[in-house]
């Protein structure tokens, strides 16, 4: 098995802190729904971020509109809010999660950044599960065969919790494998380049 390490998070590098400051940052989350929120929270708490440091303003109200569209519509304002806080010297990072649905992770990132782009070095991670977050859950349960299949029906009734994010963090510490689904390999690269 060929693995590339997903290193322990260096909060110092991530938010440009001095070597004497070891406080974890606040995490702002922009995501589609509670399943995304709990997945991200589980991953971050397993990586050592206290739950009190994780802020999700809101998620798409169920049944009102497309959740991915909701994230795209709020990205620009969320990025401006993040930059305002980050520019004031606050220890803060932004994590955005949006399902690929029928797109690739790169296509989704381009759609998201159509009007405003993140800049090099900004502690902003954009994570795009393909086909959706339930695909990553299925892979973690050993069920995923294809990122084009929709696994939402298998996990829709599950009460959202952070166990899948926590489990993924445990696996990533051992290294990102080529056996990971493509979108999860992409997420490992995003974590390593933007966050770790």
Protein backbone atom coordinates (compact mmCIF):
# COMPACT_ATOMS: atom_id res chain seq x y z
CA UNK A 1 0.00 0.00 0.00
CA UNK A 2 1.50 3.32 -1.06
CA UNK A 3 0.85 6.03 1.54
CA UNK A 4 1.61 9.72 1.66
CA UNK A 5 1.60 11.05 5.19
CA UNK A 6 -1.15 13.44 6.24
CA UNK A 7 0.94 15.22 8.84
CA UNK A 8 -0.19 16.28 12.26
CA UNK A 9 -1.55 19.78 11.96
CA UNK A 10 0.95 22.52 12.67
CA UNK A 11 -1.27 25.32 13.94
CA UNK A 12 1.78 27.58 13.94
CA UNK A 13 2.28 27.27 10.18
CA UNK A 14 -1.45 27.20 9.50
CA UNK A 15 -2.24 30.59 10.89
CA UNK A 16 1.20 32.20 10.89
CA UNK A 17 1.73 32.22 14.64
CA UNK A 18 4.97 32.63 16.54
CA UNK A 19 6.73 29.55 17.87
CA UNK A 20 5.71 30.44 21.45
CA UNK A 21 1.95 30.51 20.68
CA UNK A 22 0.41 27.04 20.76
CA UNK A 23 -3.27 27.95 21.02
CA UNK A 24 -5.36 26.20 18.35
CA UNK A 25 -7.24 28.56 16.02
CA UNK A 26 -10.93 29.09 15.67
CA UNK A 27 -12.40 27.20 12.74
CA UNK A 28 -15.12 28.82 10.64
CA UNK A 29 -17.17 26.27 8.70
CA UNK A 30 -19.27 26.87 5.61
CA UNK A 31 -21.03 23.67 4.59
CA UNK A 32 -24.23 22.26 3.14
CA UNK A 33 -25.83 20.48 6.07
CA UNK A 34 -25.50 18.85 9.48
CA UNK A 35 -23.83 15.75 8.00
CA UNK A 36 -21.02 17.97 6.66
CA UNK A 37 -20.83 19.92 9.92
CA UNK A 38 -20.48 16.80 12.06
CA UNK A 39 -17.95 15.22 9.68
CA UNK A 40 -15.73 18.32 9.80
CA UNK A 41 -16.16 18.73 13.55
CA UNK A 42 -15.24 15.08 14.14
CA UNK A 43 -12.12 15.43 12.01
CA UNK A 44 -11.03 18.69 13.66
CA UNK A 45 -11.60 17.53 17.23
CA UNK A 46 -9.65 14.34 16.48
CA UNK A 47 -6.86 16.63 15.21
CA UNK A 48 -6.80 18.44 18.56
CA UNK A 49 -9.08 21.45 18.01
CA UNK A 50 -11.44 21.99 20.96
CA UNK A 51 -15.12 21.84 19.93
CA UNK A 52 -15.63 25.33 21.42
CA UNK A 53 -13.25 26.69 18.74
CA UNK A 54 -15.42 25.41 15.88
CA UNK A 55 -18.02 27.83 14.49
CA UNK A 56 -20.70 26.90 11.96
CA UNK A 57 -22.93 29.89 11.37
CA UNK A 58 -25.73 27.93 9.76
CA UNK A 59 -26.46 25.28 7.16
CA UNK A 60 -28.92 25.15 4.28
CA UNK A 61 -32.50 24.89 5.56
CA UNK A 62 -33.78 21.44 4.48
CA UNK A 63 -35.99 21.42 1.40
CA UNK A 64 -35.69 25.13 0.64
CA UNK A 65 -33.07 25.08 -2.14
CA UNK A 66 -30.09 23.19 -3.48
CA UNK A 67 -27.57 22.89 -0.64
CA UNK A 68 -24.55 23.25 -2.94
CA UNK A 69 -26.09 26.40 -4.43
CA UNK A 70 -26.65 27.71 -0.90
CA UNK A 71 -22.91 27.24 -0.13
CA UNK A 72 -21.89 28.93 -3.39
CA UNK A 73 -24.16 31.91 -2.67
CA UNK A 74 -22.65 32.40 0.79
CA UNK A 75 -18.99 31.79 -0.08
CA UNK A 76 -18.15 35.38 -1.03
CA UNK A 77 -19.58 36.93 2.16
CA UNK A 78 -18.09 34.17 4.33
CA UNK A 79 -14.66 34.72 2.75
CA UNK A 80 -14.92 38.47 3.39
CA UNK A 81 -15.88 37.84 7.03
CA UNK A 82 -12.99 35.40 7.42
CA UNK A 83 -10.52 37.89 5.90
CA UNK A 84 -11.74 40.64 8.17
CA UNK A 85 -11.17 38.50 11.28
CA UNK A 86 -7.90 37.05 9.99
CA UNK A 87 -6.69 40.55 9.07
CA UNK A 88 -7.27 41.68 12.66
CA UNK A 89 -4.69 39.15 13.78
CA UNK A 90 -7.22 36.59 15.01
CA UNK A 91 -6.21 32.95 14.91
CA UNK A 92 -8.88 31.72 12.54
CA UNK A 93 -9.19 29.33 9.59
CA UNK A 94 -11.98 28.65 7.11
CA UNK A 95 -13.12 25.20 6.05
CA UNK A 96 -15.63 24.93 3.21
CA UNK A 97 -17.31 21.65 2.27
CA UNK A 98 -19.51 21.23 -0.78
CA UNK A 99 -20.58 17.98 -2.47
CA UNK A 100 -19.30 17.33 -5.98
CA UNK A 101 -22.60 15.73 -7.01
CA UNK A 102 -22.08 15.24 -10.77
CA UNK A 103 -18.92 17.41 -10.97
CA UNK A 104 -15.26 16.88 -10.15
CA UNK A 105 -13.75 18.48 -7.04
CA UNK A 106 -11.78 20.89 -9.26
CA UNK A 107 -14.93 21.94 -11.16
CA UNK A 108 -16.71 22.61 -7.87
CA UNK A 109 -13.78 24.73 -6.61
CA UNK A 110 -13.89 26.77 -9.81
CA UNK A 111 -17.65 27.30 -9.46
CA UNK A 112 -17.20 28.33 -5.84
CA UNK A 113 -14.43 30.80 -6.65
CA UNK A 114 -16.05 32.30 -9.74
CA UNK A 115 -16.34 35.82 -8.26
CA UNK A 116 -13.80 35.76 -5.46
CA UNK A 117 -10.76 33.54 -5.04
CA UNK A 118 -8.75 32.45 -2.06
CA UNK A 119 -5.17 33.62 -2.17
CA UNK A 120 -1.96 31.61 -1.83
CA UNK A 121 -1.11 30.99 1.78
CA UNK A 122 -4.58 31.74 3.14
CA UNK A 123 -5.64 29.08 5.69
CA UNK A 124 -8.74 28.14 3.70
CA UNK A 125 -9.52 24.53 2.86
CA UNK A 126 -12.17 23.63 0.28
CA UNK A 127 -13.18 19.98 0.56
CA UNK A 128 -15.35 18.36 -2.11
CA UNK A 129 -16.64 14.83 -1.40
CA UNK A 130 -17.60 12.92 -4.56
CA UNK A 131 -20.30 12.07 -5.17
CA UNK A 132 -21.30 13.38 -1.75
CA UNK A 133 -20.32 13.13 1.93
CA UNK A 134 -22.21 9.83 2.15
CA UNK A 135 -19.73 8.41 -0.39
CA UNK A 136 -16.91 9.06 2.09
CA UNK A 137 -19.01 7.49 4.86
CA UNK A 138 -19.60 4.43 2.65
CA UNK A 139 -15.86 4.16 1.94
CA UNK A 140 -15.09 4.33 5.66
CA UNK A 141 -17.59 1.46 6.15
CA UNK A 142 -15.96 -0.54 3.32
CA UNK A 143 -18.97 -0.18 0.98
CA UNK A 144 -17.84 2.31 -1.67
CA UNK A 145 -17.28 0.92 -5.14
CA UNK A 146 -17.66 4.05 -7.27
CA UNK A 147 -17.78 7.82 -6.67
CA UNK A 148 -20.59 8.12 -9.23
CA UNK A 149 -23.00 6.02 -7.16
CA UNK A 150 -25.25 7.82 -4.71
CA UNK A 151 -24.98 6.43 -1.16
CA UNK A 152 -27.25 9.06 0.40
CA UNK A 153 -30.07 6.57 0.93
CA UNK A 154 -27.81 4.39 3.10
CA UNK A 155 -26.94 7.17 5.53
CA UNK A 156 -29.85 9.61 5.33
CA UNK A 157 -31.59 8.25 8.44
CA UNK A 158 -28.40 8.16 10.51
CA UNK A 159 -28.25 10.76 13.23
CA UNK A 160 -25.32 13.00 12.24
CA UNK A 161 -22.30 12.62 14.49
CA UNK A 162 -18.58 13.07 14.18
CA UNK A 163 -17.59 9.40 14.11
CA UNK A 164 -16.80 9.36 10.39
CA UNK A 165 -14.65 12.48 10.54
CA UNK A 166 -12.89 11.10 13.60
CA UNK A 167 -12.30 7.76 11.87
CA UNK A 168 -10.93 9.48 8.77
CA UNK A 169 -8.51 11.50 10.89
CA UNK A 170 -7.20 8.27 12.45
CA UNK A 171 -6.63 6.81 8.98
CA UNK A 172 -5.04 10.00 7.61
CA UNK A 173 -2.49 10.13 10.42
CA UNK A 174 -1.22 6.77 9.13
CA UNK A 175 -0.98 8.22 5.62
CA UNK A 176 -3.19 8.86 2.60
CA UNK A 177 -3.31 5.74 0.45
CA UNK A 178 -3.81 5.36 -3.29
CA UNK A 179 -6.67 3.10 -2.21
CA UNK A 180 -8.57 6.22 -1.10
CA UNK A 181 -11.33 7.38 -3.48
CA UNK A 182 -10.06 10.13 -5.83
CA UNK A 183 -11.97 12.90 -4.05
CA UNK A 184 -10.53 11.80 -0.71
CA UNK A 185 -6.99 11.81 -2.16
CA UNK A 186 -7.80 15.32 -3.40
CA UNK A 187 -8.93 16.28 0.11
CA UNK A 188 -5.65 14.96 1.55
CA UNK A 189 -3.72 17.15 -0.89
CA UNK A 190 -5.93 20.11 0.01
CA UNK A 191 -5.31 19.51 3.74
CA UNK A 192 -1.54 19.18 3.22
CA UNK A 193 -1.18 22.21 0.93
CA UNK A 194 -3.64 24.57 2.62
CA UNK A 195 -3.80 23.55 6.23
CA UNK A 196 -1.14 21.18 7.60
